[in-house]
Amino acid sequence: MVYSGLCLHPWIDGAPSCAEARPACCPSCAAASLPPGKPFVVVGHGHRDRQVLGPSGPNGDPEWLRVGTHRFRCRACEAVFVVVPRGILRRRWYSGIAIAQALARVVLLGQSGAEVRAAISPFALLGDSARRGWKQLGVWLAAAPQLFWLPRPAANVEGVLGQLASLALGRDSASPIERIVAGVVSIGSE
């Protein structure tokens, strides 16, 4: 997975063309996408729609979005990869922005699982157990150090949130959750 320079909503509002989304080189073998005087090495390989759940910003309402992504194939090494907007996490339905907010709401604000679910999940219909808490939140808390591509390894959720907040340069006056969300958006490609 390779991240575009665009965040989630600008991507949805005006998704880049294949040419605009094409990376300069293959993330697997580092071959140039378009060597001078030669045909493309990294070529378009179709589109994939992907669902993304959760708020798209620190004060946003929970959403259920469908995001079109670009797939590419490298003719040099045969790698196939996808280009996605920033804030999308590998193998997760909820965006990195939503997950980071959920973690911050529990750890920093002390909110209950039910309160976090109400703020993050776009699904209004809940079963009896969901009214008491949110099982997915426990999964994210346990996996937090592995969820985000951070500059340094983090041992716990607090370390993850601290690093995300530190990545939000020039946002000292913003709330902790706003800084954490800005940090998620600033994370580079894996």
C-alpha atoms as a PDB file:
ATOM      1  CA  MET A   1       0.000   0.000   0.000  1.00  0.00           C
ATOM      2  CA  VAL A   2       1.310   3.424  -0.981  1.00  0.00           C
ATOM      3  CA  TYR A   3      -0.114   6.692   0.327  1.00  0.00           C
ATOM      4  CA  SER A   4      -1.082   9.529  -1.965  1.00  0.00           C
ATOM      5  CA  GLY A   5      -0.340  13.117  -1.042  1.00  0.00           C
ATOM      6  CA  LEU A   6      -4.096  13.638  -0.649  1.00  0.00           C
ATOM      7  CA  CYS A   7      -6.133  13.096   2.503  1.00  0.00           C
ATOM      8  CA  LEU A   8      -9.440  11.227   2.524  1.00  0.00           C
ATOM      9  CA  HIS A   9     -11.985  13.971   1.740  1.00  0.00           C
ATOM     10  CA  PRO A  10      -9.996  15.787  -0.971  1.00  0.00           C
ATOM     11  CA  TRP A  11      -9.509  12.331  -2.570  1.00  0.00           C
ATOM     12  CA  ILE A  12     -13.252  11.644  -2.486  1.00  0.00           C
ATOM     13  CA  ASP A  13     -14.157  15.130  -3.704  1.00  0.00           C
ATOM     14  CA  GLY A  14     -11.822  14.827  -6.691  1.00  0.00           C
ATOM     15  CA  ALA A  15     -10.088  11.473  -6.942  1.00  0.00           C
ATOM     16  CA  PRO A  16      -6.795  11.706  -8.813  1.00  0.00           C
ATOM     17  CA  SER A  17      -6.462  10.194 -12.255  1.00  0.00           C
ATOM     18  CA  CYS A  18      -4.272   7.155 -12.776  1.00  0.00           C
ATOM     19  CA  ALA A  19      -1.449   9.400 -13.988  1.00  0.00           C
ATOM     20  CA  GLU A  20      -1.763  11.684 -10.936  1.00  0.00           C
ATOM     21  CA  ALA A  21      -1.856   8.746  -8.507  1.00  0.00           C
ATOM     22  CA  ARG A  22       1.070   6.860 -10.086  1.00  0.00           C
ATOM     23  CA  PRO A  23       4.072   6.899  -7.716  1.00  0.00           C
ATOM     24  CA  ALA A  24       7.451   8.029  -9.029  1.00  0.00           C
ATOM     25  CA  CYS A  25       8.892   4.562  -8.480  1.00  0.00           C
ATOM     26  CA  CYS A  26       7.875   1.036  -7.523  1.00  0.00           C
ATOM     27  CA  PRO A  27       7.689   0.651  -3.718  1.00  0.00           C
ATOM     28  CA  SER A  28       8.993  -2.902  -4.021  1.00  0.00           C
ATOM     29  CA  CYS A  29      12.026  -2.668  -6.329  1.00  0.00           C
ATOM     30  CA  ALA A  30      12.456   1.142  -6.634  1.00  0.00           C
ATOM     31  CA  ALA A  31      12.315   1.027 -10.460  1.00  0.00           C
ATOM     32  CA  ALA A  32      11.405   4.406 -11.946  1.00  0.00           C
ATOM     33  CA  SER A  33       7.789   4.585 -13.115  1.00  0.00           C
ATOM     34  CA  LEU A  34       8.701   6.291 -16.367  1.00  0.00           C
ATOM     35  CA  PRO A  35      12.370   5.984 -17.337  1.00  0.00           C
ATOM     36  CA  PRO A  36      13.402   8.655 -19.881  1.00  0.00           C
ATOM     37  CA  GLY A  37      12.750   7.521 -23.441  1.00  0.00           C
ATOM     38  CA  LYS A  38      11.214   4.185 -22.372  1.00  0.00           C
ATOM     39  CA  PRO A  39       7.690   2.873 -21.789  1.00  0.00           C
ATOM     40  CA  PHE A  40       6.035   2.966 -18.370  1.00  0.00           C
ATOM     41  CA  VAL A  41       7.398   0.474 -15.866  1.00  0.00           C
ATOM     42  CA  VAL A  42       4.672   1.074 -13.256  1.00  0.00           C
ATOM     43  CA  VAL A  43       1.369   0.697 -15.089  1.00  0.00           C
ATOM     44  CA  GLY A  44      -2.258   1.050 -14.060  1.00  0.00           C
ATOM     45  CA  HIS A  45      -3.785  -2.265 -12.999  1.00  0.00           C
ATOM     46  CA  GLY A  46      -7.399  -1.304 -12.323  1.00  0.00           C
ATOM     47  CA  HIS A  47      -9.430   0.194  -9.537  1.00  0.00           C
ATOM     48  CA  ARG A  48     -10.730  -1.159  -6.271  1.00  0.00           C
ATOM     49  CA  ASP A  49     -13.424   0.370  -4.143  1.00  0.00           C
ATOM     50  CA  ARG A  50     -12.847   0.291  -0.453  1.00  0.00           C
ATOM     51  CA  GLN A  51     -15.197   1.140   2.371  1.00  0.00           C
ATOM     52  CA  VAL A  52     -13.999   3.475   5.081  1.00  0.00           C
ATOM     53  CA  LEU A  53     -15.812   3.993   8.366  1.00  0.00           C
ATOM     54  CA  GLY A  54     -15.630   6.704  11.008  1.00  0.00           C
ATOM     55  CA  PRO A  55     -15.327  10.475  11.198  1.00  0.00           C
ATOM     56  CA  SER A  56     -12.967  12.095   8.725  1.00  0.00           C
ATOM     57  CA  GLY A  57     -11.813  14.781  11.143  1.00  0.00           C
ATOM     58  CA  PRO A  58     -11.504  15.468  14.860  1.00  0.00           C
ATOM     59  CA  ASN A  59     -14.980  16.997  15.147  1.00  0.00           C
ATOM     60  CA  GLY A  60     -16.678  15.194  12.281  1.00  0.00           C
ATOM     61  CA  ASP A  61     -19.717  12.972  12.312  1.00  0.00           C
ATOM     62  CA  PRO A  62     -19.250   9.233  11.755  1.00  0.00           C
ATOM     63  CA  GLU A  63     -19.495   8.335   8.077  1.00  0.00           C
ATOM     64  CA  TRP A  64     -19.649   5.237   5.902  1.00  0.00           C
ATOM     65  CA  LEU A  65     -17.737   6.114   2.738  1.00  0.00           C
ATOM     66  CA  ARG A  66     -16.756   4.272  -0.402  1.00  0.00           C
ATOM     67  CA  VAL A  67     -13.315   5.245  -1.646  1.00  0.00           C
ATOM     68  CA  GLY A  68     -11.990   4.368  -5.078  1.00  0.00           C
ATOM     69  CA  THR A  69      -8.323   3.353  -5.013  1.00  0.00           C
ATOM     70  CA  HIS A  70      -5.831   2.914  -7.862  1.00  0.00           C
ATOM     71  CA  ARG A  71      -3.991  -0.366  -8.390  1.00  0.00           C
ATOM     72  CA  PHE A  72      -0.652  -0.509 -10.161  1.00  0.00           C
ATOM     73  CA  ARG A  73       1.665  -3.256 -11.388  1.00  0.00           C
ATOM     74  CA  CYS A  74       5.410  -3.008 -11.790  1.00  0.00           C
ATOM     75  CA  ARG A  75       6.643  -4.587 -15.015  1.00  0.00           C
ATOM     76  CA  ALA A  76      10.147  -4.917 -13.564  1.00  0.00           C
ATOM     77  CA  CYS A  77       9.354  -7.000 -10.455  1.00  0.00           C
ATOM     78  CA  GLU A  78       5.668  -7.890 -11.051  1.00  0.00           C
ATOM     79  CA  ALA A  79       4.633  -6.333  -7.705  1.00  0.00           C
ATOM     80  CA  VAL A  80       1.011  -5.237  -7.488  1.00  0.00           C
ATOM     81  CA  PHE A  81       0.156  -2.436  -5.075  1.00  0.00           C
ATOM     82  CA  VAL A  82      -2.586   0.031  -4.353  1.00  0.00           C
ATOM     83  CA  VAL A  83      -2.425   3.809  -3.897  1.00  0.00           C
ATOM     84  CA  VAL A  84      -4.787   5.139  -1.235  1.00  0.00           C
ATOM     85  CA  PRO A  85      -5.424   8.506   0.426  1.00  0.00           C
ATOM     86  CA  ARG A  86      -3.646   9.310   3.694  1.00  0.00           C
ATOM     87  CA  GLY A  87      -5.447   8.152   6.803  1.00  0.00           C
ATOM     88  CA  ILE A  88      -6.374   4.689   5.457  1.00  0.00           C
ATOM     89  CA  LEU A  89      -4.934   1.720   7.339  1.00  0.00           C
ATOM     90  CA  ARG A  90      -4.109  -1.676   5.935  1.00  0.00           C
ATOM     91  CA  ARG A  91      -6.719  -4.372   6.642  1.00  0.00           C
ATOM     92  CA  ARG A  92      -9.000  -2.040   8.624  1.00  0.00           C
ATOM     93  CA  TRP A  93     -12.515  -0.880   7.805  1.00  0.00           C
ATOM     94  CA  TYR A  94     -12.212   2.112  10.118  1.00  0.00           C
ATOM     95  CA  SER A  95      -9.840   4.858   9.026  1.00  0.00           C
ATOM     96  CA  GLY A  96      -6.658   5.633  10.923  1.00  0.00           C
ATOM     97  CA  ILE A  97      -8.251   8.938  11.885  1.00  0.00           C
ATOM     98  CA  ALA A  98     -11.236   7.134  13.443  1.00  0.00           C
ATOM     99  CA  ILE A  99      -9.086   4.582  15.279  1.00  0.00           C
ATOM    100  CA  ALA A 100      -6.695   7.213  16.645  1.00  0.00           C
ATOM    101  CA  GLN A 101      -9.654   9.280  17.840  1.00  0.00           C
ATOM    102  CA  ALA A 102     -11.197   6.244  19.520  1.00  0.00           C
ATOM    103  CA  LEU A 103      -7.931   5.476  21.323  1.00  0.00           C
ATOM    104  CA  ALA A 104      -7.546   9.106  22.396  1.00  0.00           C
ATOM    105  CA  ARG A 105     -11.119   9.270  23.681  1.00  0.00           C
ATOM    106  CA  VAL A 106     -10.526   6.244  25.910  1.00  0.00           C
ATOM    107  CA  VAL A 107      -7.003   7.015  27.096  1.00  0.00           C
ATOM    108  CA  LEU A 108      -6.995  10.808  27.260  1.00  0.00           C
ATOM    109  CA  LEU A 109     -10.653  11.653  27.889  1.00  0.00           C
ATOM    110  CA  GLY A 110     -11.632   8.541  29.864  1.00  0.00           C
ATOM    111  CA  GLN A 111     -14.762   7.913  27.792  1.00  0.00           C
ATOM    112  CA  SER A 112     -16.597   4.598  28.011  1.00  0.00           C
ATOM    113  CA  GLY A 113     -16.766   2.141  25.117  1.00  0.00           C
ATOM    114  CA  ALA A 114     -20.390   3.108  24.471  1.00  0.00           C
ATOM    115  CA  GLU A 115     -19.502   6.816  24.307  1.00  0.00           C
ATOM    116  CA  VAL A 116     -16.601   6.131  21.940  1.00  0.00           C
ATOM    117  CA  ARG A 117     -18.771   3.966  19.704  1.00  0.00           C
ATOM    118  CA  ALA A 118     -21.412   6.721  19.500  1.00  0.00           C
ATOM    119  CA  ALA A 119     -18.738   9.209  18.392  1.00  0.00           C
ATOM    120  CA  ILE A 120     -16.876   6.930  15.943  1.00  0.00           C
ATOM    121  CA  SER A 121     -19.241   4.302  14.481  1.00  0.00           C
ATOM    122  CA  PRO A 122     -21.683   5.241  11.702  1.00  0.00           C
ATOM    123  CA  PHE A 123     -23.995   2.372  12.637  1.00  0.00           C
ATOM    124  CA  ALA A 124     -26.989   3.480  14.676  1.00  0.00           C
ATOM    125  CA  LEU A 125     -28.588   0.056  15.207  1.00  0.00           C
ATOM    126  CA  LEU A 126     -27.009  -1.660  18.163  1.00  0.00           C
ATOM    127  CA  GLY A 127     -27.488  -4.983  19.872  1.00  0.00           C
ATOM    128  CA  ASP A 128     -27.774  -5.255  23.642  1.00  0.00           C
ATOM    129  CA  SER A 129     -24.056  -5.902  24.200  1.00  0.00           C
ATOM    130  CA  ALA A 130     -23.072  -2.900  22.047  1.00  0.00           C
ATOM    131  CA  ARG A 131     -24.975  -0.544  24.338  1.00  0.00           C
ATOM    132  CA  ARG A 132     -22.649  -1.506  27.194  1.00  0.00           C
ATOM    133  CA  GLY A 133     -19.361  -1.189  25.327  1.00  0.00           C
ATOM    134  CA  TRP A 134     -17.552  -1.812  22.067  1.00  0.00           C
ATOM    135  CA  LYS A 135     -15.577  -4.992  21.487  1.00  0.00           C
ATOM    136  CA  GLN A 136     -13.668  -3.483  18.539  1.00  0.00           C
ATOM    137  CA  LEU A 137     -12.190  -0.861  20.855  1.00  0.00           C
ATOM    138  CA  GLY A 138     -10.436  -3.590  22.848  1.00  0.00           C
ATOM    139  CA  VAL A 139      -8.974  -4.992  19.632  1.00  0.00           C
ATOM    140  CA  TRP A 140      -7.567  -1.567  18.722  1.00  0.00           C
ATOM    141  CA  LEU A 141      -6.192  -0.971  22.218  1.00  0.00           C
ATOM    142  CA  ALA A 142      -4.320  -4.286  22.091  1.00  0.00           C
ATOM    143  CA  ALA A 143      -3.003  -3.706  18.550  1.00  0.00           C
ATOM    144  CA  ALA A 144      -2.235   0.026  18.864  1.00  0.00           C
ATOM    145  CA  PRO A 145       1.585  -0.245  18.635  1.00  0.00           C
ATOM    146  CA  GLN A 146       1.285  -2.109  15.308  1.00  0.00           C
ATOM    147  CA  LEU A 147      -1.529  -0.097  13.689  1.00  0.00           C
ATOM    148  CA  PHE A 148       0.321   3.032  12.622  1.00  0.00           C
ATOM    149  CA  TRP A 149       3.545   3.511  10.672  1.00  0.00           C
ATOM    150  CA  LEU A 150       5.446   5.491  13.318  1.00  0.00           C
ATOM    151  CA  PRO A 151       8.988   6.922  13.269  1.00  0.00           C
ATOM    152  CA  ARG A 152       9.909   4.925  16.406  1.00  0.00           C
ATOM    153  CA  PRO A 153       8.437   1.735  17.861  1.00  0.00           C
ATOM    154  CA  ALA A 154       5.849   2.371  20.571  1.00  0.00           C
ATOM    155  CA  ALA A 155       5.401   0.031  23.532  1.00  0.00           C
ATOM    156  CA  ASN A 156       1.825   1.033  24.415  1.00  0.00           C
ATOM    157  CA  VAL A 157      -1.199   3.129  23.438  1.00  0.00           C
ATOM    158  CA  GLU A 158       0.122   6.206  25.240  1.00  0.00           C
ATOM    159  CA  GLY A 159       3.355   6.008  23.230  1.00  0.00           C
ATOM    160  CA  VAL A 160       1.396   5.726  19.975  1.00  0.00           C
ATOM    161  CA  LEU A 161      -0.785   8.732  20.818  1.00  0.00           C
ATOM    162  CA  GLY A 162       2.246  10.744  21.920  1.00  0.00           C
ATOM    163  CA  GLN A 163       4.079  10.104  18.667  1.00  0.00           C
ATOM    164  CA  LEU A 164       1.008  10.896  16.575  1.00  0.00           C
ATOM    165  CA  ALA A 165       0.530  14.199  18.433  1.00  0.00           C
ATOM    166  CA  SER A 166       4.214  15.056  17.986  1.00  0.00           C
ATOM    167  CA  LEU A 167       3.898  14.637  14.205  1.00  0.00           C
ATOM    168  CA  ALA A 168       1.399  17.524  14.040  1.00  0.00           C
ATOM    169  CA  LEU A 169       3.926  20.290  13.524  1.00  0.00           C
ATOM    170  CA  GLY A 170       2.751  23.836  14.099  1.00  0.00           C
ATOM    171  CA  ARG A 171      -0.450  22.813  15.859  1.00  0.00           C
ATOM    172  CA  ASP A 172       0.477  23.587  19.464  1.00  0.00           C
ATOM    173  CA  SER A 173      -2.764  25.465  20.136  1.00  0.00           C
ATOM    174  CA  ALA A 174      -4.964  22.626  18.848  1.00  0.00           C
ATOM    175  CA  SER A 175      -6.689  20.157  21.167  1.00  0.00           C
ATOM    176  CA  PRO A 176      -4.920  16.831  21.815  1.00  0.00           C
ATOM    177  CA  ILE A 177      -7.360  14.983  19.551  1.00  0.00           C
ATOM    178  CA  GLU A 178      -6.867  17.534  16.751  1.00  0.00           C
ATOM    179  CA  ARG A 179      -3.076  17.091  17.012  1.00  0.00           C
ATOM    180  CA  ILE A 180      -3.415  13.291  16.985  1.00  0.00           C
ATOM    181  CA  VAL A 181      -5.628  13.395  13.879  1.00  0.00           C
ATOM    182  CA  ALA A 182      -3.153  15.755  12.149  1.00  0.00           C
ATOM    183  CA  GLY A 183      -0.392  13.281  13.051  1.00  0.00           C
ATOM    184  CA  VAL A 184      -2.280  10.383  11.459  1.00  0.00           C
ATOM    185  CA  VAL A 185      -2.733  12.374   8.254  1.00  0.00           C
ATOM    186  CA  SER A 186       0.978  13.298   8.150  1.00  0.00           C
ATOM    187  CA  ILE A 187       2.194   9.697   8.290  1.00  0.00           C
ATOM    188  CA  GLY A 188       4.059   8.662   5.138  1.00  0.00           C
ATOM    189  CA  SER A 189       3.894   5.488   3.127  1.00  0.00           C
ATOM    190  CA  GLU A 190       4.789   2.102   4.515  1.00  0.00           C
END
